[in-house]
Amino acid sequence: MIATAHLFIGAAIGSCVENPFLALGLGITSHLVTDALPHWDLGSFDKKERKEKLKNYLIIFSDVILGSILILFLANLAEKAIALNIILGAMGAILIDVIDNSPFWSYKLRQLPFFKQIHACHSWAHHKNKWQLPFKYRFVGLITQIVTILISLI
């Protein structure tokens, strides 16, 4: 899933719980659950698209920044007691991607036992049922994410 979808799902979960640690934990869990849904993201690009790595990284970075700004805006509108949980739920929801997909540190982290297991779980969620959509079907995969974002706003 794109980062914005993960962020909104985690924020929605965070807004429903009172415990900040639970918001963070459920946000992390939501990442694996939603990655098992049919979707497309730039991490799913095939060899042809990998040639445009810099462009793709800029798009991913923009997605994370835009989604984060939107979550901070929504958290600012919420009651102060809920705002922290919204932010922690959102942070938890993208934490796995930050750890496991960064071009700067993920390869080295994946060599360490705990992070190797995170990578295995993340890969399993993405490829469990072969629902990753090829690049040519990216718009179908984005529809599932748009619907997910809209539901999380309710």
C-alpha atoms as a PDB file:
ATOM      1  CA  MET A   1       0.000   0.000   0.000  1.00  0.00           C
ATOM      2  CA  ILE A   2       1.041   3.572  -0.428  1.00  0.00           C
ATOM      3  CA  ALA A   3       2.155   5.322   2.745  1.00  0.00           C
ATOM      4  CA  THR A   4      -0.855   7.625   2.824  1.00  0.00           C
ATOM      5  CA  ALA A   5      -3.234   4.657   3.008  1.00  0.00           C
ATOM      6  CA  HIS A   6      -1.215   3.094   5.846  1.00  0.00           C
ATOM      7  CA  LEU A   7      -1.078   6.432   7.675  1.00  0.00           C
ATOM      8  CA  PHE A   8      -4.842   6.992   7.457  1.00  0.00           C
ATOM      9  CA  ILE A   9      -5.664   3.471   8.594  1.00  0.00           C
ATOM     10  CA  GLY A  10      -3.294   3.744  11.550  1.00  0.00           C
ATOM     11  CA  ALA A  11      -4.690   7.176  12.442  1.00  0.00           C
ATOM     12  CA  ALA A  12      -8.249   5.860  12.319  1.00  0.00           C
ATOM     13  CA  ILE A  13      -7.300   2.999  14.613  1.00  0.00           C
ATOM     14  CA  GLY A  14      -5.463   5.367  16.955  1.00  0.00           C
ATOM     15  CA  SER A  15      -8.540   7.572  17.199  1.00  0.00           C
ATOM     16  CA  CYS A  16     -10.568   4.611  18.485  1.00  0.00           C
ATOM     17  CA  VAL A  17      -8.327   3.542  21.377  1.00  0.00           C
ATOM     18  CA  GLU A  18      -7.417   5.254  24.624  1.00  0.00           C
ATOM     19  CA  ASN A  19      -4.022   3.689  25.255  1.00  0.00           C
ATOM     20  CA  PRO A  20      -1.139   5.197  23.230  1.00  0.00           C
ATOM     21  CA  PHE A  21       0.873   1.952  23.336  1.00  0.00           C
ATOM     22  CA  LEU A  22      -2.136   0.071  21.989  1.00  0.00           C
ATOM     23  CA  ALA A  23      -2.519   2.694  19.234  1.00  0.00           C
ATOM     24  CA  LEU A  24       1.106   2.140  18.202  1.00  0.00           C
ATOM     25  CA  GLY A  25       0.832  -1.663  18.358  1.00  0.00           C
ATOM     26  CA  LEU A  26      -2.428  -1.796  16.427  1.00  0.00           C
ATOM     27  CA  GLY A  27      -0.968   0.590  13.857  1.00  0.00           C
ATOM     28  CA  ILE A  28       1.951  -1.804  13.329  1.00  0.00           C
ATOM     29  CA  THR A  29      -0.438  -4.767  13.077  1.00  0.00           C
ATOM     30  CA  SER A  30      -2.649  -2.901  10.596  1.00  0.00           C
ATOM     31  CA  HIS A  31       0.324  -2.561   8.266  1.00  0.00           C
ATOM     32  CA  LEU A  32       0.699  -6.312   7.856  1.00  0.00           C
ATOM     33  CA  VAL A  33      -3.055  -6.849   7.528  1.00  0.00           C
ATOM     34  CA  THR A  34      -3.495  -4.177   4.864  1.00  0.00           C
ATOM     35  CA  ASP A  35      -0.433  -5.283   2.917  1.00  0.00           C
ATOM     36  CA  ALA A  36      -2.205  -8.613   2.473  1.00  0.00           C
ATOM     37  CA  LEU A  37      -5.055  -6.842   0.629  1.00  0.00           C
ATOM     38  CA  PRO A  38      -4.936  -6.448  -3.157  1.00  0.00           C
ATOM     39  CA  HIS A  39      -2.964  -3.309  -3.880  1.00  0.00           C
ATOM     40  CA  TRP A  40      -0.198  -1.701  -5.868  1.00  0.00           C
ATOM     41  CA  ASP A  41       2.626   0.454  -4.605  1.00  0.00           C
ATOM     42  CA  LEU A  42       5.974   1.645  -5.866  1.00  0.00           C
ATOM     43  CA  GLY A  43       7.681  -1.077  -3.854  1.00  0.00           C
ATOM     44  CA  SER A  44       5.907  -3.530  -6.136  1.00  0.00           C
ATOM     45  CA  PHE A  45       7.402  -2.258  -9.360  1.00  0.00           C
ATOM     46  CA  ASP A  46       8.905  -4.756 -11.747  1.00  0.00           C
ATOM     47  CA  LYS A  47      12.358  -4.674 -13.328  1.00  0.00           C
ATOM     48  CA  LYS A  48      11.309  -2.171 -15.993  1.00  0.00           C
ATOM     49  CA  GLU A  49      10.246   0.395 -13.394  1.00  0.00           C
ATOM     50  CA  ARG A  50      13.328  -0.190 -11.222  1.00  0.00           C
ATOM     51  CA  LYS A  51      15.353   1.689 -13.815  1.00  0.00           C
ATOM     52  CA  GLU A  52      13.587   4.830 -12.594  1.00  0.00           C
ATOM     53  CA  LYS A  53      14.625   4.386  -8.950  1.00  0.00           C
ATOM     54  CA  LEU A  54      15.304   8.049  -8.202  1.00  0.00           C
ATOM     55  CA  LYS A  55      11.930   9.108  -9.598  1.00  0.00           C
ATOM     56  CA  ASN A  56      10.203   6.355  -7.621  1.00  0.00           C
ATOM     57  CA  TYR A  57      11.989   7.288  -4.392  1.00  0.00           C
ATOM     58  CA  LEU A  58      10.912  10.914  -4.867  1.00  0.00           C
ATOM     59  CA  ILE A  59       7.306   9.781  -5.329  1.00  0.00           C
ATOM     60  CA  ILE A  60       7.487   7.562  -2.236  1.00  0.00           C
ATOM     61  CA  PHE A  61       9.071  10.353  -0.179  1.00  0.00           C
ATOM     62  CA  SER A  62       6.384  12.797  -1.375  1.00  0.00           C
ATOM     63  CA  ASP A  63       3.691  10.274  -0.446  1.00  0.00           C
ATOM     64  CA  VAL A  64       5.090   9.911   3.088  1.00  0.00           C
ATOM     65  CA  ILE A  65       5.435  13.690   3.545  1.00  0.00           C
ATOM     66  CA  LEU A  66       1.970  14.506   2.157  1.00  0.00           C
ATOM     67  CA  GLY A  67       0.313  11.734   4.171  1.00  0.00           C
ATOM     68  CA  SER A  68       2.123  12.815   7.331  1.00  0.00           C
ATOM     69  CA  ILE A  69       1.066  16.437   6.874  1.00  0.00           C
ATOM     70  CA  LEU A  70      -2.547  15.373   6.405  1.00  0.00           C
ATOM     71  CA  ILE A  71      -2.429  13.205   9.542  1.00  0.00           C
ATOM     72  CA  LEU A  72      -0.887  16.031  11.576  1.00  0.00           C
ATOM     73  CA  PHE A  73      -3.615  18.352  10.310  1.00  0.00           C
ATOM     74  CA  LEU A  74      -6.348  15.882  11.305  1.00  0.00           C
ATOM     75  CA  ALA A  75      -4.718  15.224  14.685  1.00  0.00           C
ATOM     76  CA  ASN A  76      -4.631  18.967  15.292  1.00  0.00           C
ATOM     77  CA  LEU A  77      -8.422  19.047  14.782  1.00  0.00           C
ATOM     78  CA  ALA A  78      -8.975  16.230  17.286  1.00  0.00           C
ATOM     79  CA  GLU A  79      -9.220  16.471  21.047  1.00  0.00           C
ATOM     80  CA  LYS A  80      -5.797  16.713  22.642  1.00  0.00           C
ATOM     81  CA  ALA A  81      -6.163  13.326  24.387  1.00  0.00           C
ATOM     82  CA  ILE A  82      -6.912  11.583  21.080  1.00  0.00           C
ATOM     83  CA  ALA A  83      -4.383  13.488  18.959  1.00  0.00           C
ATOM     84  CA  LEU A  84      -1.397  11.600  20.372  1.00  0.00           C
ATOM     85  CA  ASN A  85      -3.050   8.248  19.649  1.00  0.00           C
ATOM     86  CA  ILE A  86      -3.864   9.339  16.100  1.00  0.00           C
ATOM     87  CA  ILE A  87      -0.211  10.204  15.504  1.00  0.00           C
ATOM     88  CA  LEU A  88       1.092   7.029  17.178  1.00  0.00           C
ATOM     89  CA  GLY A  89      -1.343   4.828  15.244  1.00  0.00           C
ATOM     90  CA  ALA A  90      -0.235   6.457  11.999  1.00  0.00           C
ATOM     91  CA  MET A  91       3.454   6.144  12.915  1.00  0.00           C
ATOM     92  CA  GLY A  92       2.985   2.481  13.783  1.00  0.00           C
ATOM     93  CA  ALA A  93       1.243   1.893  10.474  1.00  0.00           C
ATOM     94  CA  ILE A  94       4.265   2.992   8.425  1.00  0.00           C
ATOM     95  CA  LEU A  95       6.998   1.858  10.802  1.00  0.00           C
ATOM     96  CA  ILE A  96       7.481  -1.493   9.059  1.00  0.00           C
ATOM     97  CA  ASP A  97       7.999   0.211   5.686  1.00  0.00           C
ATOM     98  CA  VAL A  98      10.430   2.700   7.219  1.00  0.00           C
ATOM     99  CA  ILE A  99      12.444  -0.132   8.774  1.00  0.00           C
ATOM    100  CA  ASP A 100      12.180  -2.692   5.983  1.00  0.00           C
ATOM    101  CA  ASN A 101      12.139  -0.640   2.777  1.00  0.00           C
ATOM    102  CA  SER A 102      14.616   2.175   3.248  1.00  0.00           C
ATOM    103  CA  PRO A 103      17.380   2.147   0.645  1.00  0.00           C
ATOM    104  CA  PHE A 104      19.730   3.543   3.303  1.00  0.00           C
ATOM    105  CA  TRP A 105      19.551   0.867   6.003  1.00  0.00           C
ATOM    106  CA  SER A 106      17.111  -1.945   5.225  1.00  0.00           C
ATOM    107  CA  TYR A 107      19.699  -4.263   3.655  1.00  0.00           C
ATOM    108  CA  LYS A 108      21.958  -4.040   6.717  1.00  0.00           C
ATOM    109  CA  LEU A 109      19.080  -4.314   9.182  1.00  0.00           C
ATOM    110  CA  ARG A 110      17.723  -7.418   7.449  1.00  0.00           C
ATOM    111  CA  GLN A 111      20.938  -9.190   8.428  1.00  0.00           C
ATOM    112  CA  LEU A 112      20.103  -8.805  12.138  1.00  0.00           C
ATOM    113  CA  PRO A 113      17.841 -11.442  13.760  1.00  0.00           C
ATOM    114  CA  PHE A 114      14.912  -9.233  14.880  1.00  0.00           C
ATOM    115  CA  PHE A 115      14.823  -7.229  11.655  1.00  0.00           C
ATOM    116  CA  LYS A 116      15.255 -10.365   9.564  1.00  0.00           C
ATOM    117  CA  GLN A 117      12.016 -11.626  11.131  1.00  0.00           C
ATOM    118  CA  ILE A 118      10.280  -8.302  10.466  1.00  0.00           C
ATOM    119  CA  HIS A 119      11.311  -8.582   6.817  1.00  0.00           C
ATOM    120  CA  ALA A 120      10.037 -12.164   6.647  1.00  0.00           C
ATOM    121  CA  CYS A 121       6.649 -11.144   8.076  1.00  0.00           C
ATOM    122  CA  HIS A 122       6.447  -8.135   5.771  1.00  0.00           C
ATOM    123  CA  SER A 123       7.306 -10.214   2.701  1.00  0.00           C
ATOM    124  CA  TRP A 124       4.799 -12.869   3.754  1.00  0.00           C
ATOM    125  CA  ALA A 125       2.032 -10.245   4.042  1.00  0.00           C
ATOM    126  CA  HIS A 126       2.842  -8.873   0.593  1.00  0.00           C
ATOM    127  CA  HIS A 127       3.094 -12.207  -1.156  1.00  0.00           C
ATOM    128  CA  LYS A 128       0.885 -14.519   0.903  1.00  0.00           C
ATOM    129  CA  ASN A 129      -1.883 -14.785  -1.634  1.00  0.00           C
ATOM    130  CA  LYS A 130      -0.246 -13.309  -4.738  1.00  0.00           C
ATOM    131  CA  TRP A 131      -2.591 -10.322  -4.661  1.00  0.00           C
ATOM    132  CA  GLN A 132       0.140  -7.881  -5.582  1.00  0.00           C
ATOM    133  CA  LEU A 133      -1.022  -6.266  -8.769  1.00  0.00           C
ATOM    134  CA  PRO A 134       1.374  -5.831 -11.693  1.00  0.00           C
ATOM    135  CA  PHE A 135       2.346  -2.326 -12.785  1.00  0.00           C
ATOM    136  CA  LYS A 136      -0.154  -2.269 -15.660  1.00  0.00           C
ATOM    137  CA  TYR A 137      -2.987  -2.760 -13.120  1.00  0.00           C
ATOM    138  CA  ARG A 138      -1.750  -0.117 -10.683  1.00  0.00           C
ATOM    139  CA  PHE A 139      -4.943   1.928 -10.942  1.00  0.00           C
ATOM    140  CA  VAL A 140      -7.050  -1.032  -9.824  1.00  0.00           C
ATOM    141  CA  GLY A 141      -4.724  -1.436  -6.848  1.00  0.00           C
ATOM    142  CA  LEU A 142      -4.951   2.261  -6.062  1.00  0.00           C
ATOM    143  CA  ILE A 143      -8.758   2.045  -5.985  1.00  0.00           C
ATOM    144  CA  THR A 144      -8.607  -0.363  -3.033  1.00  0.00           C
ATOM    145  CA  GLN A 145      -6.395   2.140  -1.233  1.00  0.00           C
ATOM    146  CA  ILE A 146      -8.620   5.125  -2.010  1.00  0.00           C
ATOM    147  CA  VAL A 147     -11.618   3.223  -0.670  1.00  0.00           C
ATOM    148  CA  THR A 148      -9.600   2.288   2.420  1.00  0.00           C
ATOM    149  CA  ILE A 149      -8.638   5.937   3.016  1.00  0.00           C
ATOM    150  CA  LEU A 150     -12.242   7.071   2.604  1.00  0.00           C
ATOM    151  CA  ILE A 151     -13.479   4.423   5.049  1.00  0.00           C
ATOM    152  CA  SER A 152     -10.830   5.460   7.571  1.00  0.00           C
ATOM    153  CA  LEU A 153     -12.141   9.035   7.449  1.00  0.00           C
ATOM    154  CA  ILE A 154     -15.608   7.954   8.552  1.00  0.00           C
END
